[in-house]
Amino acid sequence: MSARTDAEATSNQSTTGITPSTLSEALRDRLSAEHVDIQDLSGGCGQMFEAVIVSPQFVKKTTLARHRLVNGALKEEIAAIHAWTPNCYTPEEWEKKKGGS
């Protein structure tokens, strides 16, 4: 389901209620995320998101375990969108990545 016009994009977002800010707030609340950056890659229709999530809950977890944790925390939201790409980091990994880029 992708929007063909700005009006459809606005309608899709108001129907699902899913926006970068609602996703960010949910991740901060549910995963104690220290940093969340959500990008809407769908052109504004709210159907395709990519996220950078930094949480101490990711420490000692594999990438798969981190994704499962995020997907479990956002189960209802993910069901309402088309595509979701989480990039999960511990606070230490994030600091290294920021320093190296």
N, C-alpha and C. Protein backbone atom coordinates (compact mmCIF):
# COMPACT_ATOMS: atom_id res chain seq x y z
N MET A 1 0.85 -1.16 0.00
CA MET A 1 0.00 0.00 0.00
C MET A 1 0.89 1.22 0.00
N SER A 2 1.01 1.86 -1.11
CA SER A 2 1.80 3.08 -1.16
C SER A 2 0.92 4.22 -1.66
N ALA A 3 1.21 5.39 -1.18
CA ALA A 3 0.41 6.56 -1.55
C ALA A 3 0.88 7.12 -2.87
N ARG A 4 -0.06 7.51 -3.70
CA ARG A 4 0.29 8.10 -4.99
C ARG A 4 0.28 9.62 -4.93
N THR A 5 -0.39 10.18 -3.93
CA THR A 5 -0.47 11.63 -3.79
C THR A 5 -0.17 12.03 -2.35
N ASP A 6 0.10 13.31 -2.15
CA ASP A 6 0.31 13.80 -0.79
C ASP A 6 -0.92 13.58 0.07
N ALA A 7 -2.09 13.73 -0.52
CA ALA A 7 -3.34 13.54 0.24
C ALA A 7 -3.45 12.08 0.70
N GLU A 8 -3.11 11.15 -0.18
CA GLU A 8 -3.14 9.73 0.20
C GLU A 8 -2.11 9.45 1.29
N ALA A 9 -0.95 10.07 1.19
CA ALA A 9 0.09 9.87 2.20
C ALA A 9 -0.40 10.34 3.56
N THR A 10 -1.02 11.51 3.61
CA THR A 10 -1.55 12.04 4.86
C THR A 10 -2.65 11.13 5.39
N SER A 11 -3.49 10.65 4.51
CA SER A 11 -4.57 9.75 4.92
C SER A 11 -4.02 8.44 5.49
N ASN A 12 -3.00 7.87 4.83
CA ASN A 12 -2.39 6.64 5.32
C ASN A 12 -1.81 6.82 6.72
N GLN A 13 -1.09 7.92 6.93
CA GLN A 13 -0.50 8.17 8.24
C GLN A 13 -1.57 8.38 9.30
N SER A 14 -2.64 9.10 8.95
CA SER A 14 -3.68 9.34 9.95
C SER A 14 -4.46 8.07 10.24
N THR A 15 -4.57 7.17 9.26
CA THR A 15 -5.27 5.91 9.47
C THR A 15 -4.47 4.98 10.37
N THR A 16 -3.18 4.83 10.10
CA THR A 16 -2.37 3.91 10.89
C THR A 16 -1.85 4.57 12.16
N GLY A 17 -1.67 5.88 12.13
CA GLY A 17 -1.11 6.58 13.27
C GLY A 17 0.39 6.36 13.42
N ILE A 18 1.01 5.74 12.44
CA ILE A 18 2.43 5.43 12.51
C ILE A 18 3.21 6.55 11.84
N THR A 19 4.07 7.19 12.63
CA THR A 19 4.95 8.24 12.13
C THR A 19 6.33 7.99 12.72
N PRO A 20 7.36 8.62 12.19
CA PRO A 20 8.68 8.48 12.81
C PRO A 20 8.67 8.85 14.29
N SER A 21 7.92 9.86 14.65
CA SER A 21 7.90 10.27 16.06
C SER A 21 7.19 9.26 16.95
N THR A 22 6.11 8.64 16.47
CA THR A 22 5.43 7.63 17.29
C THR A 22 6.30 6.39 17.46
N LEU A 23 7.01 6.01 16.40
CA LEU A 23 7.93 4.87 16.49
C LEU A 23 9.07 5.18 17.46
N SER A 24 9.63 6.37 17.34
CA SER A 24 10.73 6.78 18.20
C SER A 24 10.31 6.78 19.67
N GLU A 25 9.16 7.34 19.95
CA GLU A 25 8.66 7.39 21.33
C GLU A 25 8.44 5.99 21.88
N ALA A 26 7.88 5.11 21.07
CA ALA A 26 7.64 3.73 21.51
C ALA A 26 8.95 3.02 21.84
N LEU A 27 9.96 3.21 21.00
CA LEU A 27 11.26 2.57 21.23
C LEU A 27 11.95 3.12 22.48
N ARG A 28 11.85 4.40 22.69
CA ARG A 28 12.44 5.00 23.90
C ARG A 28 11.76 4.46 25.15
N ASP A 29 10.44 4.35 25.10
CA ASP A 29 9.68 3.86 26.25
C ASP A 29 9.88 2.37 26.49
N ARG A 30 9.78 1.58 25.44
CA ARG A 30 9.75 0.12 25.59
C ARG A 30 11.12 -0.54 25.68
N LEU A 31 12.15 0.11 25.11
CA LEU A 31 13.49 -0.49 25.11
C LEU A 31 14.52 0.38 25.83
N SER A 32 14.07 1.42 26.48
CA SER A 32 14.99 2.36 27.15
C SER A 32 16.07 2.84 26.18
N ALA A 33 15.66 3.08 24.94
CA ALA A 33 16.61 3.51 23.91
C ALA A 33 17.17 4.88 24.23
N GLU A 34 18.48 5.00 24.11
CA GLU A 34 19.18 6.26 24.37
C GLU A 34 19.21 7.16 23.15
N HIS A 35 19.18 6.53 21.99
CA HIS A 35 19.20 7.29 20.72
C HIS A 35 18.32 6.53 19.73
N VAL A 36 17.44 7.26 19.07
CA VAL A 36 16.59 6.67 18.03
C VAL A 36 16.53 7.66 16.88
N ASP A 37 16.81 7.16 15.68
CA ASP A 37 16.70 7.98 14.47
C ASP A 37 15.87 7.18 13.48
N ILE A 38 14.68 7.65 13.17
CA ILE A 38 13.77 6.96 12.26
C ILE A 38 13.67 7.76 10.98
N GLN A 39 13.89 7.09 9.86
CA GLN A 39 13.75 7.72 8.55
C GLN A 39 12.57 7.10 7.82
N ASP A 40 11.67 7.94 7.33
CA ASP A 40 10.55 7.47 6.51
C ASP A 40 11.04 7.42 5.07
N LEU A 41 11.22 6.22 4.55
CA LEU A 41 11.74 6.03 3.20
C LEU A 41 10.64 5.89 2.16
N SER A 42 9.40 6.07 2.59
CA SER A 42 8.27 5.83 1.70
C SER A 42 7.78 7.08 0.98
N GLY A 43 8.46 8.19 1.18
CA GLY A 43 8.01 9.42 0.55
C GLY A 43 6.88 10.09 1.31
N GLY A 44 6.73 9.73 2.57
CA GLY A 44 5.75 10.40 3.41
C GLY A 44 4.48 9.62 3.68
N CYS A 45 4.32 8.44 3.09
CA CYS A 45 3.06 7.71 3.30
C CYS A 45 3.09 6.87 4.58
N GLY A 46 4.22 6.78 5.23
CA GLY A 46 4.29 6.06 6.50
C GLY A 46 4.22 4.56 6.37
N GLN A 47 4.77 4.03 5.30
CA GLN A 47 4.71 2.59 5.08
C GLN A 47 6.08 1.91 5.03
N MET A 48 7.18 2.68 5.03
CA MET A 48 8.52 2.08 4.95
C MET A 48 9.48 2.92 5.80
N PHE A 49 10.05 2.27 6.81
CA PHE A 49 10.92 2.98 7.75
C PHE A 49 12.25 2.26 7.92
N GLU A 50 13.28 3.05 8.16
CA GLU A 50 14.60 2.54 8.54
C GLU A 50 14.95 3.23 9.86
N ALA A 51 15.53 2.46 10.78
CA ALA A 51 15.78 3.01 12.11
C ALA A 51 17.19 2.69 12.60
N VAL A 52 17.76 3.64 13.32
CA VAL A 52 18.96 3.43 14.12
C VAL A 52 18.48 3.48 15.56
N ILE A 53 18.75 2.40 16.30
CA ILE A 53 18.28 2.28 17.67
C ILE A 53 19.47 1.95 18.56
N VAL A 54 19.68 2.74 19.59
CA VAL A 54 20.78 2.52 20.53
C VAL A 54 20.16 2.25 21.90
N SER A 55 20.43 1.05 22.42
CA SER A 55 19.84 0.68 23.71
C SER A 55 20.80 -0.22 24.49
N PRO A 56 20.88 -0.01 25.80
CA PRO A 56 21.69 -0.90 26.62
C PRO A 56 21.11 -2.31 26.67
N GLN A 57 19.85 -2.49 26.29
CA GLN A 57 19.25 -3.82 26.27
C GLN A 57 19.84 -4.71 25.18
N PHE A 58 20.62 -4.14 24.25
CA PHE A 58 21.23 -4.92 23.18
C PHE A 58 22.57 -5.55 23.58
N VAL A 59 23.09 -5.17 24.74
CA VAL A 59 24.39 -5.69 25.20
C VAL A 59 24.32 -7.21 25.28
N LYS A 60 25.35 -7.86 24.75
CA LYS A 60 25.51 -9.32 24.76
C LYS A 60 24.41 -10.05 23.98
N LYS A 61 23.77 -9.37 23.03
CA LYS A 61 22.76 -10.00 22.19
C LYS A 61 23.27 -10.02 20.74
N THR A 62 22.93 -11.09 20.04
CA THR A 62 23.26 -11.18 18.62
C THR A 62 22.37 -10.22 17.83
N THR A 63 22.72 -10.01 16.58
CA THR A 63 21.90 -9.15 15.71
C THR A 63 20.48 -9.70 15.63
N LEU A 64 20.33 -11.00 15.48
CA LEU A 64 19.00 -11.60 15.39
C LEU A 64 18.21 -11.37 16.68
N ALA A 65 18.86 -11.54 17.82
CA ALA A 65 18.18 -11.33 19.11
C ALA A 65 17.77 -9.86 19.27
N ARG A 66 18.60 -8.96 18.82
CA ARG A 66 18.28 -7.53 18.89
C ARG A 66 17.05 -7.22 18.02
N HIS A 67 17.05 -7.76 16.80
CA HIS A 67 15.92 -7.52 15.90
C HIS A 67 14.64 -8.12 16.48
N ARG A 68 14.74 -9.29 17.07
CA ARG A 68 13.56 -9.90 17.69
C ARG A 68 13.04 -9.05 18.85
N LEU A 69 13.95 -8.50 19.62
CA LEU A 69 13.57 -7.64 20.74
C LEU A 69 12.82 -6.40 20.23
N VAL A 70 13.37 -5.76 19.20
CA VAL A 70 12.74 -4.58 18.62
C VAL A 70 11.40 -4.94 17.99
N ASN A 71 11.37 -6.01 17.21
CA ASN A 71 10.14 -6.40 16.54
C ASN A 71 9.05 -6.78 17.55
N GLY A 72 9.44 -7.39 18.66
CA GLY A 72 8.48 -7.71 19.71
C GLY A 72 7.94 -6.45 20.37
N ALA A 73 8.81 -5.47 20.57
CA ALA A 73 8.40 -4.21 21.20
C ALA A 73 7.47 -3.40 20.29
N LEU A 74 7.62 -3.57 18.98
CA LEU A 74 6.82 -2.80 18.01
C LEU A 74 5.86 -3.69 17.22
N LYS A 75 5.43 -4.78 17.82
CA LYS A 75 4.62 -5.76 17.10
C LYS A 75 3.40 -5.14 16.41
N GLU A 76 2.63 -4.34 17.13
CA GLU A 76 1.43 -3.74 16.54
C GLU A 76 1.78 -2.73 15.45
N GLU A 77 2.80 -1.93 15.70
CA GLU A 77 3.19 -0.90 14.73
C GLU A 77 3.71 -1.54 13.44
N ILE A 78 4.54 -2.57 13.58
CA ILE A 78 5.12 -3.24 12.41
C ILE A 78 4.03 -3.90 11.56
N ALA A 79 3.00 -4.41 12.21
CA ALA A 79 1.90 -5.04 11.48
C ALA A 79 1.17 -4.05 10.58
N ALA A 80 1.26 -2.76 10.91
CA ALA A 80 0.52 -1.73 10.15
C ALA A 80 1.34 -1.10 9.04
N ILE A 81 2.63 -1.45 8.92
CA ILE A 81 3.46 -0.84 7.88
C ILE A 81 3.96 -1.90 6.90
N HIS A 82 4.53 -1.44 5.81
CA HIS A 82 4.97 -2.34 4.74
C HIS A 82 6.38 -2.86 4.96
N ALA A 83 7.30 -1.99 5.34
CA ALA A 83 8.71 -2.39 5.46
C ALA A 83 9.35 -1.73 6.66
N TRP A 84 10.20 -2.50 7.35
CA TRP A 84 10.85 -2.03 8.58
C TRP A 84 12.27 -2.56 8.61
N THR A 85 13.25 -1.66 8.72
CA THR A 85 14.65 -2.05 8.79
C THR A 85 15.29 -1.45 10.03
N PRO A 86 15.48 -2.26 11.09
CA PRO A 86 16.15 -1.75 12.28
C PRO A 86 17.66 -1.96 12.22
N ASN A 87 18.40 -0.98 12.66
CA ASN A 87 19.86 -1.08 12.82
C ASN A 87 20.11 -0.85 14.31
N CYS A 88 20.51 -1.90 15.00
CA CYS A 88 20.56 -1.89 16.46
C CYS A 88 22.00 -1.86 16.97
N TYR A 89 22.25 -0.97 17.93
CA TYR A 89 23.59 -0.81 18.50
C TYR A 89 23.51 -0.69 20.03
N THR A 90 24.56 -1.17 20.69
CA THR A 90 24.71 -0.87 22.11
C THR A 90 25.26 0.55 22.19
N PRO A 91 25.17 1.17 23.36
CA PRO A 91 25.74 2.52 23.48
C PRO A 91 27.24 2.54 23.14
N GLU A 92 27.98 1.52 23.54
CA GLU A 92 29.41 1.46 23.24
C GLU A 92 29.66 1.33 21.73
N GLU A 93 28.91 0.46 21.07
CA GLU A 93 29.06 0.31 19.61
C GLU A 93 28.72 1.61 18.89
N TRP A 94 27.69 2.30 19.37
CA TRP A 94 27.29 3.55 18.74
C TRP A 94 28.36 4.62 18.87
N GLU A 95 28.97 4.71 20.03
CA GLU A 95 30.04 5.69 20.23
C GLU A 95 31.22 5.41 19.29
N LYS A 96 31.57 4.13 19.14
CA LYS A 96 32.65 3.76 18.20
C LYS A 96 32.28 4.11 16.78
N LYS A 97 31.04 3.81 16.40
CA LYS A 97 30.59 4.08 15.03
C LYS A 97 30.59 5.58 14.75
N LYS A 98 30.11 6.37 15.69
CA LYS A 98 30.11 7.83 15.51
C LYS A 98 31.52 8.37 15.38
N GLY A 99 32.43 7.82 16.17
CA GLY A 99 33.81 8.29 16.14
C GLY A 99 34.53 7.90 14.87
N GLY A 100 34.10 6.80 14.25
CA GLY A 100 34.76 6.30 13.04
C GLY A 100 34.19 6.85 11.75
N SER A 101 33.03 7.54 11.82
CA SER A 101 32.45 8.03 10.56
C SER A 101 32.70 9.48 10.32
